[in-house]
Amino acid sequence: MAGSEGLTTAASIGAVVLAGGRARRFGGEDKGLILLCGQPLVAWVIRRLRPQVAELVLSANRNLSTYADMGRVVEDDIPGQPGPLAGIDAAARGMEPEWVLTATCDTPFLPLDLAHRLLVGARQTGVDAVYVADDHQAHYGLMLFRRALVGEIEAFLTAGGRRVQDWLARVHAQPVLFRDDPQAFLNINTPADLALAERLAAHYPPPG
């Protein structure tokens, strides 16, 4: 992302990086702090997103001092850790940009133009929320929505809703298709995924 167009995109978007997962397939480790090539997974996500946005917040519920060394941290304010939407809600309420981009802490190879392409997709379709899709699946945790929709998240949670996919359907979100890099949205869910990421990491240097 370069030039005045990229700067305009960054100024209008804040990012929430979701680092509250329990990583059951990693023995309950804090997934954001699992090391990939010697660096926490969440650090990979931060490095790739920070140049794309005006503000970045980490949503976490444990190891808060460790996360605070990497950025501003916001905890859920709904008891029982009801899922990622609660973290998004708590973080987005205190943000200023018009749009909110969300990303999970286990996707270390995100495109360096992710924010721009999602914003273009939202404007072209005229909707208030979009999410990433590729040729294989939808990635509902990677979405962009108008911050004005925070009230819709709160209402959804209050009514007992939990799934991100269901909330996106409620606000008529549309997919934005990404086809150019099949590994850009690799999720590190298992030790085998982590081993694959270790082999791929050299192809995804930090933005410079």
N, C-alpha and C. Protein backbone atom coordinates (compact mmCIF):
# COMPACT_ATOMS: atom_id res chain seq x y z
N MET A 1 0.85 -1.18 0.00
CA MET A 1 0.00 0.00 0.00
C MET A 1 0.88 1.23 0.00
N ALA A 2 0.73 2.12 -0.99
CA ALA A 2 1.62 3.26 -1.09
C ALA A 2 0.85 4.44 -1.63
N GLY A 3 1.43 5.64 -1.49
CA GLY A 3 0.85 6.83 -2.05
C GLY A 3 -0.30 7.36 -1.23
N SER A 4 -0.92 8.45 -1.76
CA SER A 4 -1.98 9.13 -1.02
C SER A 4 -3.20 8.26 -0.83
N GLU A 5 -3.48 7.37 -1.78
CA GLU A 5 -4.64 6.49 -1.65
C GLU A 5 -4.50 5.59 -0.44
N GLY A 6 -3.27 5.02 -0.24
CA GLY A 6 -3.03 4.17 0.91
C GLY A 6 -3.12 4.94 2.22
N LEU A 7 -2.62 6.19 2.23
CA LEU A 7 -2.68 6.98 3.44
C LEU A 7 -4.11 7.31 3.81
N THR A 8 -4.95 7.57 2.80
CA THR A 8 -6.36 7.84 3.06
C THR A 8 -7.04 6.62 3.67
N THR A 9 -6.73 5.46 3.14
CA THR A 9 -7.29 4.22 3.69
C THR A 9 -6.88 4.06 5.14
N ALA A 10 -5.59 4.20 5.44
CA ALA A 10 -5.10 4.01 6.80
C ALA A 10 -5.76 4.96 7.77
N ALA A 11 -5.98 6.20 7.38
CA ALA A 11 -6.54 7.19 8.28
C ALA A 11 -7.96 6.86 8.69
N SER A 12 -8.67 6.11 7.88
CA SER A 12 -10.08 5.84 8.16
C SER A 12 -10.34 4.50 8.83
N ILE A 13 -9.27 3.74 9.14
CA ILE A 13 -9.43 2.38 9.66
C ILE A 13 -8.64 2.19 10.95
N GLY A 14 -9.27 1.56 11.92
CA GLY A 14 -8.59 1.05 13.10
C GLY A 14 -8.65 -0.47 13.10
N ALA A 15 -7.68 -1.12 13.71
CA ALA A 15 -7.61 -2.57 13.70
C ALA A 15 -7.74 -3.14 15.11
N VAL A 16 -8.45 -4.25 15.21
CA VAL A 16 -8.53 -5.03 16.44
C VAL A 16 -7.92 -6.39 16.16
N VAL A 17 -6.86 -6.74 16.86
CA VAL A 17 -6.23 -8.05 16.72
C VAL A 17 -6.72 -8.93 17.86
N LEU A 18 -7.37 -10.02 17.51
CA LEU A 18 -8.01 -10.90 18.49
C LEU A 18 -7.00 -11.92 19.01
N ALA A 19 -6.67 -11.81 20.30
CA ALA A 19 -5.68 -12.70 20.91
C ALA A 19 -6.25 -13.34 22.17
N GLY A 20 -7.54 -13.64 22.15
CA GLY A 20 -8.16 -14.21 23.35
C GLY A 20 -8.46 -15.69 23.26
N GLY A 21 -8.03 -16.34 22.17
CA GLY A 21 -8.35 -17.76 22.00
C GLY A 21 -7.61 -18.67 22.96
N ARG A 22 -8.17 -19.86 23.16
CA ARG A 22 -7.60 -20.78 24.15
C ARG A 22 -6.68 -21.84 23.57
N ALA A 23 -6.61 -21.97 22.25
CA ALA A 23 -5.65 -22.86 21.58
C ALA A 23 -5.65 -24.27 22.18
N ARG A 24 -6.81 -24.90 22.18
CA ARG A 24 -6.93 -26.24 22.79
C ARG A 24 -6.01 -27.26 22.12
N ARG A 25 -5.78 -27.10 20.81
CA ARG A 25 -4.93 -28.07 20.11
C ARG A 25 -3.45 -27.78 20.33
N PHE A 26 -3.14 -26.73 21.08
CA PHE A 26 -1.78 -26.47 21.53
C PHE A 26 -1.70 -26.61 23.05
N GLY A 27 -2.55 -27.45 23.61
CA GLY A 27 -2.51 -27.70 25.04
C GLY A 27 -2.96 -26.52 25.89
N GLY A 28 -3.79 -25.64 25.30
CA GLY A 28 -4.29 -24.50 26.06
C GLY A 28 -3.34 -23.33 26.13
N GLU A 29 -2.26 -23.37 25.34
CA GLU A 29 -1.33 -22.22 25.33
C GLU A 29 -2.05 -20.97 24.85
N ASP A 30 -1.50 -19.82 25.20
CA ASP A 30 -1.97 -18.55 24.67
C ASP A 30 -1.49 -18.47 23.22
N LYS A 31 -2.42 -18.63 22.29
CA LYS A 31 -2.01 -18.80 20.90
C LYS A 31 -1.22 -17.61 20.36
N GLY A 32 -1.60 -16.41 20.74
CA GLY A 32 -0.90 -15.25 20.23
C GLY A 32 0.57 -15.21 20.59
N LEU A 33 0.94 -15.93 21.66
CA LEU A 33 2.32 -15.92 22.13
C LEU A 33 3.12 -17.14 21.68
N ILE A 34 2.50 -18.05 20.94
CA ILE A 34 3.23 -19.17 20.36
C ILE A 34 4.26 -18.63 19.35
N LEU A 35 5.46 -19.15 19.39
CA LEU A 35 6.54 -18.60 18.57
C LEU A 35 6.55 -19.17 17.16
N LEU A 36 6.69 -18.29 16.20
CA LEU A 36 6.94 -18.63 14.81
C LEU A 36 8.26 -17.98 14.42
N CYS A 37 9.26 -18.80 14.13
CA CYS A 37 10.61 -18.29 13.82
C CYS A 37 11.10 -17.34 14.90
N GLY A 38 10.82 -17.69 16.15
CA GLY A 38 11.34 -16.92 17.27
C GLY A 38 10.53 -15.70 17.67
N GLN A 39 9.43 -15.43 16.96
CA GLN A 39 8.59 -14.27 17.26
C GLN A 39 7.16 -14.72 17.54
N PRO A 40 6.48 -14.10 18.51
CA PRO A 40 5.09 -14.48 18.78
C PRO A 40 4.22 -14.30 17.54
N LEU A 41 3.25 -15.19 17.39
CA LEU A 41 2.34 -15.08 16.24
C LEU A 41 1.71 -13.70 16.17
N VAL A 42 1.29 -13.17 17.32
CA VAL A 42 0.62 -11.87 17.30
C VAL A 42 1.55 -10.78 16.79
N ALA A 43 2.85 -10.91 17.02
CA ALA A 43 3.80 -9.90 16.53
C ALA A 43 3.85 -9.90 15.00
N TRP A 44 3.73 -11.07 14.40
CA TRP A 44 3.67 -11.13 12.93
C TRP A 44 2.45 -10.37 12.41
N VAL A 45 1.31 -10.59 13.05
CA VAL A 45 0.08 -9.92 12.62
C VAL A 45 0.20 -8.41 12.79
N ILE A 46 0.72 -7.99 13.94
CA ILE A 46 0.87 -6.56 14.20
C ILE A 46 1.76 -5.90 13.16
N ARG A 47 2.89 -6.53 12.86
CA ARG A 47 3.83 -5.93 11.90
C ARG A 47 3.19 -5.76 10.53
N ARG A 48 2.34 -6.68 10.13
CA ARG A 48 1.74 -6.60 8.80
C ARG A 48 0.56 -5.64 8.77
N LEU A 49 -0.13 -5.47 9.90
CA LEU A 49 -1.30 -4.60 9.91
C LEU A 49 -1.00 -3.15 10.26
N ARG A 50 -0.04 -2.92 11.15
CA ARG A 50 0.14 -1.57 11.69
C ARG A 50 0.34 -0.51 10.60
N PRO A 51 1.12 -0.77 9.53
CA PRO A 51 1.27 0.28 8.51
C PRO A 51 -0.02 0.55 7.73
N GLN A 52 -1.01 -0.32 7.86
CA GLN A 52 -2.23 -0.19 7.07
C GLN A 52 -3.34 0.59 7.77
N VAL A 53 -3.16 0.90 9.06
CA VAL A 53 -4.26 1.47 9.84
C VAL A 53 -3.78 2.65 10.68
N ALA A 54 -4.75 3.43 11.16
CA ALA A 54 -4.43 4.59 12.00
C ALA A 54 -4.30 4.21 13.47
N GLU A 55 -4.91 3.12 13.87
CA GLU A 55 -4.96 2.72 15.28
C GLU A 55 -5.01 1.21 15.34
N LEU A 56 -4.32 0.63 16.33
CA LEU A 56 -4.33 -0.83 16.48
C LEU A 56 -4.48 -1.18 17.96
N VAL A 57 -5.42 -2.07 18.25
CA VAL A 57 -5.71 -2.48 19.62
C VAL A 57 -5.65 -4.01 19.69
N LEU A 58 -5.13 -4.53 20.78
CA LEU A 58 -5.09 -5.96 21.01
C LEU A 58 -6.22 -6.35 21.95
N SER A 59 -6.98 -7.35 21.57
CA SER A 59 -8.03 -7.90 22.43
C SER A 59 -7.50 -9.16 23.07
N ALA A 60 -7.32 -9.14 24.40
CA ALA A 60 -6.73 -10.28 25.11
C ALA A 60 -7.34 -10.38 26.50
N ASN A 61 -7.25 -11.59 27.08
CA ASN A 61 -7.83 -11.82 28.40
C ASN A 61 -6.85 -12.46 29.38
N ARG A 62 -5.63 -12.70 28.95
CA ARG A 62 -4.59 -13.22 29.85
C ARG A 62 -3.24 -12.75 29.33
N ASN A 63 -2.21 -12.92 30.18
CA ASN A 63 -0.87 -12.44 29.82
C ASN A 63 -0.91 -10.98 29.36
N LEU A 64 -1.67 -10.18 30.08
CA LEU A 64 -1.94 -8.81 29.62
C LEU A 64 -0.68 -7.96 29.60
N SER A 65 0.21 -8.16 30.56
CA SER A 65 1.43 -7.34 30.57
C SER A 65 2.32 -7.66 29.37
N THR A 66 2.34 -8.92 28.95
CA THR A 66 3.13 -9.29 27.78
C THR A 66 2.57 -8.64 26.53
N TYR A 67 1.25 -8.69 26.38
CA TYR A 67 0.62 -8.05 25.22
C TYR A 67 0.80 -6.54 25.27
N ALA A 68 0.77 -5.97 26.48
CA ALA A 68 0.90 -4.51 26.60
C ALA A 68 2.24 -4.02 26.10
N ASP A 69 3.25 -4.87 26.09
CA ASP A 69 4.55 -4.49 25.54
C ASP A 69 4.49 -4.32 24.02
N MET A 70 3.41 -4.84 23.39
CA MET A 70 3.29 -4.78 21.94
C MET A 70 2.24 -3.79 21.47
N GLY A 71 1.45 -3.24 22.39
CA GLY A 71 0.42 -2.30 21.97
C GLY A 71 -0.64 -2.13 23.05
N ARG A 72 -1.65 -1.33 22.74
CA ARG A 72 -2.74 -1.11 23.69
C ARG A 72 -3.62 -2.34 23.76
N VAL A 73 -3.95 -2.75 24.98
CA VAL A 73 -4.71 -3.97 25.20
C VAL A 73 -6.07 -3.62 25.80
N VAL A 74 -7.12 -4.28 25.31
CA VAL A 74 -8.46 -4.14 25.86
C VAL A 74 -8.98 -5.54 26.20
N GLU A 75 -9.48 -5.69 27.41
CA GLU A 75 -10.09 -6.96 27.83
C GLU A 75 -11.58 -6.96 27.52
N ASP A 76 -12.15 -8.19 27.40
CA ASP A 76 -13.60 -8.34 27.33
C ASP A 76 -14.22 -7.76 28.60
N ASP A 77 -15.42 -7.19 28.47
CA ASP A 77 -16.12 -6.76 29.68
C ASP A 77 -17.43 -7.53 29.87
N ILE A 78 -17.54 -8.67 29.17
CA ILE A 78 -18.67 -9.58 29.37
C ILE A 78 -18.11 -10.84 30.04
N PRO A 79 -18.64 -11.25 31.18
CA PRO A 79 -18.10 -12.42 31.89
C PRO A 79 -18.19 -13.70 31.06
N GLY A 80 -17.24 -14.61 31.31
CA GLY A 80 -17.31 -15.94 30.71
C GLY A 80 -16.67 -16.07 29.35
N GLN A 81 -16.01 -15.03 28.85
CA GLN A 81 -15.35 -15.08 27.54
C GLN A 81 -16.28 -15.66 26.47
N PRO A 82 -17.33 -14.92 26.12
CA PRO A 82 -18.33 -15.45 25.18
C PRO A 82 -17.91 -15.49 23.72
N GLY A 83 -16.65 -15.22 23.43
CA GLY A 83 -16.18 -15.35 22.06
C GLY A 83 -15.63 -14.07 21.48
N PRO A 84 -15.18 -14.13 20.23
CA PRO A 84 -14.48 -13.00 19.63
C PRO A 84 -15.31 -11.74 19.50
N LEU A 85 -16.62 -11.86 19.32
CA LEU A 85 -17.43 -10.65 19.17
C LEU A 85 -17.39 -9.79 20.43
N ALA A 86 -17.30 -10.43 21.60
CA ALA A 86 -17.20 -9.66 22.84
C ALA A 86 -15.91 -8.85 22.86
N GLY A 87 -14.83 -9.43 22.40
CA GLY A 87 -13.57 -8.70 22.33
C GLY A 87 -13.62 -7.58 21.32
N ILE A 88 -14.24 -7.84 20.18
CA ILE A 88 -14.38 -6.82 19.15
C ILE A 88 -15.21 -5.65 19.68
N ASP A 89 -16.30 -5.98 20.35
CA ASP A 89 -17.18 -4.96 20.91
C ASP A 89 -16.43 -4.07 21.90
N ALA A 90 -15.72 -4.69 22.84
CA ALA A 90 -15.01 -3.91 23.87
C ALA A 90 -13.94 -3.02 23.26
N ALA A 91 -13.21 -3.54 22.29
CA ALA A 91 -12.13 -2.78 21.68
C ALA A 91 -12.65 -1.67 20.77
N ALA A 92 -13.65 -1.99 19.96
CA ALA A 92 -14.12 -1.03 18.96
C ALA A 92 -14.82 0.16 19.58
N ARG A 93 -15.42 -0.02 20.75
CA ARG A 93 -16.14 1.08 21.39
C ARG A 93 -15.24 2.26 21.70
N GLY A 94 -13.96 2.00 21.94
CA GLY A 94 -13.04 3.09 22.28
C GLY A 94 -12.22 3.59 21.11
N MET A 95 -12.54 3.18 19.90
CA MET A 95 -11.75 3.58 18.74
C MET A 95 -12.37 4.78 18.06
N GLU A 96 -11.56 5.50 17.28
CA GLU A 96 -12.03 6.71 16.61
C GLU A 96 -12.26 6.57 15.11
N PRO A 97 -11.48 5.78 14.35
CA PRO A 97 -11.67 5.74 12.90
C PRO A 97 -13.08 5.28 12.51
N GLU A 98 -13.46 5.62 11.31
CA GLU A 98 -14.80 5.30 10.81
C GLU A 98 -15.02 3.80 10.64
N TRP A 99 -13.95 3.08 10.28
CA TRP A 99 -14.04 1.65 9.99
C TRP A 99 -13.17 0.87 10.98
N VAL A 100 -13.59 -0.36 11.26
CA VAL A 100 -12.84 -1.26 12.14
C VAL A 100 -12.49 -2.54 11.37
N LEU A 101 -11.23 -2.86 11.32
CA LEU A 101 -10.73 -4.10 10.73
C LEU A 101 -10.41 -5.07 11.85
N THR A 102 -10.85 -6.31 11.73
CA THR A 102 -10.50 -7.32 12.73
C THR A 102 -9.63 -8.39 12.09
N ALA A 103 -8.72 -8.91 12.90
CA ALA A 103 -7.84 -9.98 12.45
C ALA A 103 -7.54 -10.89 13.63
N THR A 104 -7.40 -12.17 13.36
CA THR A 104 -7.05 -13.12 14.40
C THR A 104 -5.54 -13.19 14.55
N CYS A 105 -5.09 -13.52 15.75
CA CYS A 105 -3.65 -13.50 16.04
C CYS A 105 -2.91 -14.68 15.42
N ASP A 106 -3.64 -15.61 14.80
CA ASP A 106 -3.00 -16.82 14.26
C ASP A 106 -2.91 -16.81 12.74
N THR A 107 -2.96 -15.62 12.13
CA THR A 107 -2.84 -15.49 10.67
C THR A 107 -1.62 -14.63 10.36
N PRO A 108 -0.43 -15.19 10.39
CA PRO A 108 0.80 -14.38 10.35
C PRO A 108 1.16 -13.81 9.00
N PHE A 109 0.51 -14.25 7.91
CA PHE A 109 0.95 -13.84 6.57
C PHE A 109 -0.09 -12.96 5.86
N LEU A 110 -0.80 -12.14 6.60
CA LEU A 110 -1.85 -11.31 6.02
C LEU A 110 -1.31 -10.40 4.92
N PRO A 111 -2.13 -10.14 3.89
CA PRO A 111 -1.68 -9.24 2.82
C PRO A 111 -1.37 -7.85 3.35
N LEU A 112 -0.37 -7.22 2.76
CA LEU A 112 0.01 -5.88 3.17
C LEU A 112 -0.94 -4.82 2.64
N ASP A 113 -1.90 -5.22 1.80
CA ASP A 113 -2.93 -4.29 1.32
C ASP A 113 -4.33 -4.77 1.75
N LEU A 114 -4.39 -5.55 2.80
CA LEU A 114 -5.67 -6.11 3.26
C LEU A 114 -6.69 -5.02 3.55
N ALA A 115 -6.31 -4.02 4.33
CA ALA A 115 -7.25 -2.97 4.73
C ALA A 115 -7.79 -2.24 3.51
N HIS A 116 -6.89 -1.88 2.61
CA HIS A 116 -7.30 -1.13 1.43
C HIS A 116 -8.28 -1.94 0.57
N ARG A 117 -7.98 -3.19 0.35
CA ARG A 117 -8.84 -4.00 -0.51
C ARG A 117 -10.21 -4.24 0.12
N LEU A 118 -10.24 -4.42 1.43
CA LEU A 118 -11.54 -4.58 2.09
C LEU A 118 -12.35 -3.29 2.02
N LEU A 119 -11.70 -2.15 2.22
CA LEU A 119 -12.42 -0.89 2.15
C LEU A 119 -12.95 -0.64 0.74
N VAL A 120 -12.16 -0.93 -0.27
CA VAL A 120 -12.62 -0.81 -1.65
C VAL A 120 -13.83 -1.71 -1.88
N GLY A 121 -13.75 -2.94 -1.36
CA GLY A 121 -14.87 -3.87 -1.53
C GLY A 121 -16.14 -3.35 -0.87
N ALA A 122 -16.01 -2.78 0.33
CA ALA A 122 -17.18 -2.24 1.02
C ALA A 122 -17.79 -1.09 0.24
N ARG A 123 -16.95 -0.20 -0.26
CA ARG A 123 -17.46 0.95 -1.00
C ARG A 123 -18.07 0.56 -2.33
N GLN A 124 -17.48 -0.42 -2.99
CA GLN A 124 -18.02 -0.84 -4.29
C GLN A 124 -19.38 -1.51 -4.15
N THR A 125 -19.57 -2.25 -3.06
CA THR A 125 -20.84 -2.95 -2.87
C THR A 125 -21.85 -2.13 -2.08
N GLY A 126 -21.40 -1.03 -1.47
CA GLY A 126 -22.30 -0.17 -0.73
C GLY A 126 -22.79 -0.74 0.58
N VAL A 127 -22.03 -1.66 1.18
CA VAL A 127 -22.44 -2.27 2.44
C VAL A 127 -21.60 -1.71 3.58
N ASP A 128 -22.05 -1.99 4.80
CA ASP A 128 -21.37 -1.49 5.99
C ASP A 128 -20.44 -2.52 6.62
N ALA A 129 -20.36 -3.72 6.04
CA ALA A 129 -19.47 -4.75 6.58
C ALA A 129 -19.11 -5.72 5.47
N VAL A 130 -17.84 -6.10 5.45
CA VAL A 130 -17.34 -7.10 4.49
C VAL A 130 -16.41 -8.05 5.23
N TYR A 131 -16.14 -9.19 4.62
CA TYR A 131 -15.22 -10.16 5.21
C TYR A 131 -14.42 -10.82 4.11
N VAL A 132 -13.31 -11.42 4.50
CA VAL A 132 -12.40 -12.06 3.55
C VAL A 132 -12.94 -13.43 3.13
N ALA A 133 -12.80 -13.72 1.86
CA ALA A 133 -13.06 -15.06 1.34
C ALA A 133 -12.00 -15.38 0.29
N ASP A 134 -11.67 -16.67 0.17
CA ASP A 134 -10.81 -17.10 -0.92
C ASP A 134 -11.52 -18.22 -1.68
N ASP A 135 -10.80 -18.92 -2.53
CA ASP A 135 -11.45 -19.95 -3.34
C ASP A 135 -11.88 -21.16 -2.53
N HIS A 136 -11.45 -21.26 -1.29
CA HIS A 136 -11.73 -22.44 -0.48
C HIS A 136 -12.72 -22.20 0.64
N GLN A 137 -12.72 -21.00 1.23
CA GLN A 137 -13.58 -20.77 2.38
C GLN A 137 -13.71 -19.29 2.69
N ALA A 138 -14.65 -18.98 3.57
CA ALA A 138 -14.77 -17.64 4.12
C ALA A 138 -13.95 -17.56 5.40
N HIS A 139 -13.38 -16.39 5.65
CA HIS A 139 -12.59 -16.15 6.86
C HIS A 139 -13.31 -15.06 7.65
N TYR A 140 -14.29 -15.46 8.44
CA TYR A 140 -15.18 -14.49 9.07
C TYR A 140 -14.47 -13.63 10.12
N GLY A 141 -13.38 -14.13 10.69
CA GLY A 141 -12.66 -13.33 11.68
C GLY A 141 -11.87 -12.18 11.07
N LEU A 142 -11.74 -12.18 9.76
CA LEU A 142 -11.05 -11.12 9.03
C LEU A 142 -12.11 -10.28 8.33
N MET A 143 -12.54 -9.24 9.01
CA MET A 143 -13.65 -8.45 8.48
C MET A 143 -13.38 -6.96 8.67
N LEU A 144 -14.17 -6.17 7.96
CA LEU A 144 -14.13 -4.72 8.08
C LEU A 144 -15.56 -4.24 8.20
N PHE A 145 -15.82 -3.39 9.22
CA PHE A 145 -17.19 -2.88 9.39
C PHE A 145 -17.14 -1.45 9.87
N ARG A 146 -18.22 -0.72 9.61
CA ARG A 146 -18.31 0.64 10.11
C ARG A 146 -18.42 0.62 11.63
N ARG A 147 -17.68 1.49 12.28
CA ARG A 147 -17.71 1.53 13.74
C ARG A 147 -19.11 1.84 14.26
N ALA A 148 -19.93 2.47 13.44
CA ALA A 148 -21.31 2.76 13.84
C ALA A 148 -22.11 1.49 14.12
N LEU A 149 -21.61 0.34 13.66
CA LEU A 149 -22.32 -0.93 13.89
C LEU A 149 -22.02 -1.54 15.25
N VAL A 150 -21.21 -0.89 16.07
CA VAL A 150 -20.89 -1.44 17.38
C VAL A 150 -22.16 -1.70 18.18
N GLY A 151 -23.13 -0.82 18.08
CA GLY A 151 -24.39 -1.04 18.77
C GLY A 151 -25.08 -2.31 18.34
N GLU A 152 -24.92 -2.68 17.07
CA GLU A 152 -25.50 -3.93 16.57
C GLU A 152 -24.81 -5.13 17.20
N ILE A 153 -23.52 -5.02 17.43
CA ILE A 153 -22.81 -6.11 18.10
C ILE A 153 -23.33 -6.27 19.52
N GLU A 154 -23.46 -5.16 20.23
CA GLU A 154 -23.94 -5.22 21.61
C GLU A 154 -25.33 -5.82 21.69
N ALA A 155 -26.21 -5.43 20.77
CA ALA A 155 -27.57 -5.98 20.77
C ALA A 155 -27.56 -7.48 20.48
N PHE A 156 -26.71 -7.89 19.56
CA PHE A 156 -26.59 -9.30 19.19
C PHE A 156 -26.11 -10.12 20.37
N LEU A 157 -25.10 -9.62 21.09
CA LEU A 157 -24.57 -10.33 22.25
C LEU A 157 -25.60 -10.37 23.37
N THR A 158 -26.29 -9.29 23.59
CA THR A 158 -27.30 -9.23 24.65
C THR A 158 -28.42 -10.23 24.40
N ALA A 159 -28.74 -10.45 23.12
CA ALA A 159 -29.79 -11.40 22.75
C ALA A 159 -29.31 -12.84 22.78
N GLY A 160 -28.04 -13.06 23.12
CA GLY A 160 -27.51 -14.41 23.21
C GLY A 160 -26.73 -14.87 22.00
N GLY A 161 -26.58 -14.00 21.01
CA GLY A 161 -25.79 -14.36 19.83
C GLY A 161 -24.32 -14.47 20.15
N ARG A 162 -23.64 -15.33 19.44
CA ARG A 162 -22.21 -15.53 19.70
C ARG A 162 -21.39 -15.63 18.42
N ARG A 163 -21.89 -16.28 17.39
CA ARG A 163 -21.05 -16.58 16.22
C ARG A 163 -20.87 -15.35 15.34
N VAL A 164 -19.61 -15.10 14.97
CA VAL A 164 -19.30 -13.99 14.08
C VAL A 164 -20.06 -14.13 12.77
N GLN A 165 -20.12 -15.34 12.23
CA GLN A 165 -20.82 -15.58 10.97
C GLN A 165 -22.28 -15.13 11.05
N ASP A 166 -22.93 -15.41 12.17
CA ASP A 166 -24.34 -15.05 12.33
C ASP A 166 -24.51 -13.53 12.41
N TRP A 167 -23.58 -12.86 13.11
CA TRP A 167 -23.68 -11.41 13.18
C TRP A 167 -23.46 -10.78 11.81
N LEU A 168 -22.51 -11.30 11.05
CA LEU A 168 -22.27 -10.77 9.71
C LEU A 168 -23.49 -10.93 8.83
N ALA A 169 -24.18 -12.05 8.96
CA ALA A 169 -25.42 -12.24 8.19
C ALA A 169 -26.47 -11.22 8.62
N ARG A 170 -26.54 -10.94 9.91
CA ARG A 170 -27.51 -9.99 10.46
C ARG A 170 -27.33 -8.59 9.87
N VAL A 171 -26.06 -8.20 9.63
CA VAL A 171 -25.80 -6.85 9.10
C VAL A 171 -25.58 -6.87 7.59
N HIS A 172 -25.91 -7.98 6.94
CA HIS A 172 -25.86 -8.11 5.47
C HIS A 172 -24.46 -7.89 4.91
N ALA A 173 -23.46 -8.43 5.61
CA ALA A 173 -22.08 -8.31 5.14
C ALA A 173 -21.88 -9.09 3.85
N GLN A 174 -20.93 -8.63 3.06
CA GLN A 174 -20.60 -9.26 1.78
C GLN A 174 -19.15 -9.72 1.77
N PRO A 175 -18.84 -10.80 1.05
CA PRO A 175 -17.44 -11.26 0.96
C PRO A 175 -16.63 -10.41 -0.01
N VAL A 176 -15.35 -10.31 0.27
CA VAL A 176 -14.38 -9.74 -0.66
C VAL A 176 -13.40 -10.86 -1.01
N LEU A 177 -13.30 -11.18 -2.28
CA LEU A 177 -12.54 -12.35 -2.71
C LEU A 177 -11.06 -12.02 -2.89
N PHE A 178 -10.21 -12.84 -2.28
CA PHE A 178 -8.76 -12.74 -2.42
C PHE A 178 -8.28 -14.04 -3.06
N ARG A 179 -7.57 -13.91 -4.19
CA ARG A 179 -7.15 -15.10 -4.91
C ARG A 179 -5.65 -15.15 -5.19
N ASP A 180 -4.92 -14.07 -4.93
CA ASP A 180 -3.56 -13.99 -5.43
C ASP A 180 -2.54 -14.74 -4.58
N ASP A 181 -2.85 -15.04 -3.32
CA ASP A 181 -1.87 -15.74 -2.46
C ASP A 181 -2.61 -16.78 -1.62
N PRO A 182 -2.49 -18.06 -1.96
CA PRO A 182 -3.24 -19.09 -1.23
C PRO A 182 -2.82 -19.28 0.21
N GLN A 183 -1.65 -18.76 0.61
CA GLN A 183 -1.19 -18.92 2.00
C GLN A 183 -1.42 -17.68 2.85
N ALA A 184 -1.95 -16.62 2.27
CA ALA A 184 -2.07 -15.36 3.00
C ALA A 184 -2.95 -15.48 4.24
N PHE A 185 -3.90 -16.42 4.21
CA PHE A 185 -4.84 -16.54 5.32
C PHE A 185 -4.68 -17.87 6.05
N LEU A 186 -3.47 -18.40 5.99
CA LEU A 186 -3.17 -19.62 6.73
C LEU A 186 -3.41 -19.40 8.22
N ASN A 187 -4.26 -20.23 8.82
CA ASN A 187 -4.51 -20.19 10.26
C ASN A 187 -3.62 -21.21 10.96
N ILE A 188 -2.98 -20.79 12.04
CA ILE A 188 -2.14 -21.71 12.80
C ILE A 188 -3.00 -22.33 13.89
N ASN A 189 -3.62 -23.45 13.56
CA ASN A 189 -4.53 -24.12 14.49
C ASN A 189 -3.94 -25.36 15.14
N THR A 190 -2.90 -25.93 14.53
CA THR A 190 -2.31 -27.17 15.02
C THR A 190 -0.79 -27.08 14.92
N PRO A 191 -0.07 -27.97 15.61
CA PRO A 191 1.39 -28.01 15.43
C PRO A 191 1.80 -28.23 13.98
N ALA A 192 1.00 -29.00 13.22
CA ALA A 192 1.34 -29.19 11.81
C ALA A 192 1.23 -27.88 11.03
N ASP A 193 0.23 -27.06 11.35
CA ASP A 193 0.12 -25.75 10.71
C ASP A 193 1.33 -24.89 11.03
N LEU A 194 1.78 -24.96 12.28
CA LEU A 194 2.93 -24.17 12.69
C LEU A 194 4.18 -24.61 11.94
N ALA A 195 4.34 -25.92 11.76
CA ALA A 195 5.49 -26.42 11.01
C ALA A 195 5.45 -25.93 9.56
N LEU A 196 4.26 -25.92 8.96
CA LEU A 196 4.13 -25.40 7.60
C LEU A 196 4.49 -23.92 7.56
N ALA A 197 4.01 -23.16 8.54
CA ALA A 197 4.31 -21.73 8.58
C ALA A 197 5.81 -21.48 8.72
N GLU A 198 6.49 -22.31 9.49
CA GLU A 198 7.95 -22.17 9.62
C GLU A 198 8.63 -22.31 8.26
N ARG A 199 8.12 -23.20 7.43
CA ARG A 199 8.71 -23.40 6.10
C ARG A 199 8.39 -22.23 5.17
N LEU A 200 7.25 -21.59 5.38
CA LEU A 200 6.81 -20.51 4.48
C LEU A 200 7.31 -19.14 4.91
N ALA A 201 7.74 -19.02 6.14
CA ALA A 201 7.97 -17.70 6.73
C ALA A 201 8.95 -16.84 5.94
N ALA A 202 9.95 -17.44 5.34
CA ALA A 202 10.95 -16.66 4.61
C ALA A 202 10.35 -15.89 3.45
N HIS A 203 9.19 -16.32 2.98
CA HIS A 203 8.53 -15.64 1.86
C HIS A 203 7.69 -14.46 2.33
N TYR A 204 7.61 -14.24 3.63
CA TYR A 204 6.75 -13.17 4.18
C TYR A 204 7.56 -12.29 5.13
N PRO A 205 8.54 -11.57 4.61
CA PRO A 205 9.33 -10.69 5.49
C PRO A 205 8.46 -9.58 6.02
N PRO A 206 8.83 -8.98 7.15
CA PRO A 206 8.04 -7.87 7.69
C PRO A 206 8.07 -6.69 6.73
N PRO A 207 7.02 -5.87 6.74
CA PRO A 207 7.01 -4.70 5.86
C PRO A 207 8.15 -3.76 6.19
N GLY A 208 8.73 -3.18 5.18
CA GLY A 208 9.86 -2.30 5.40
C GLY A 208 9.62 -0.92 4.81
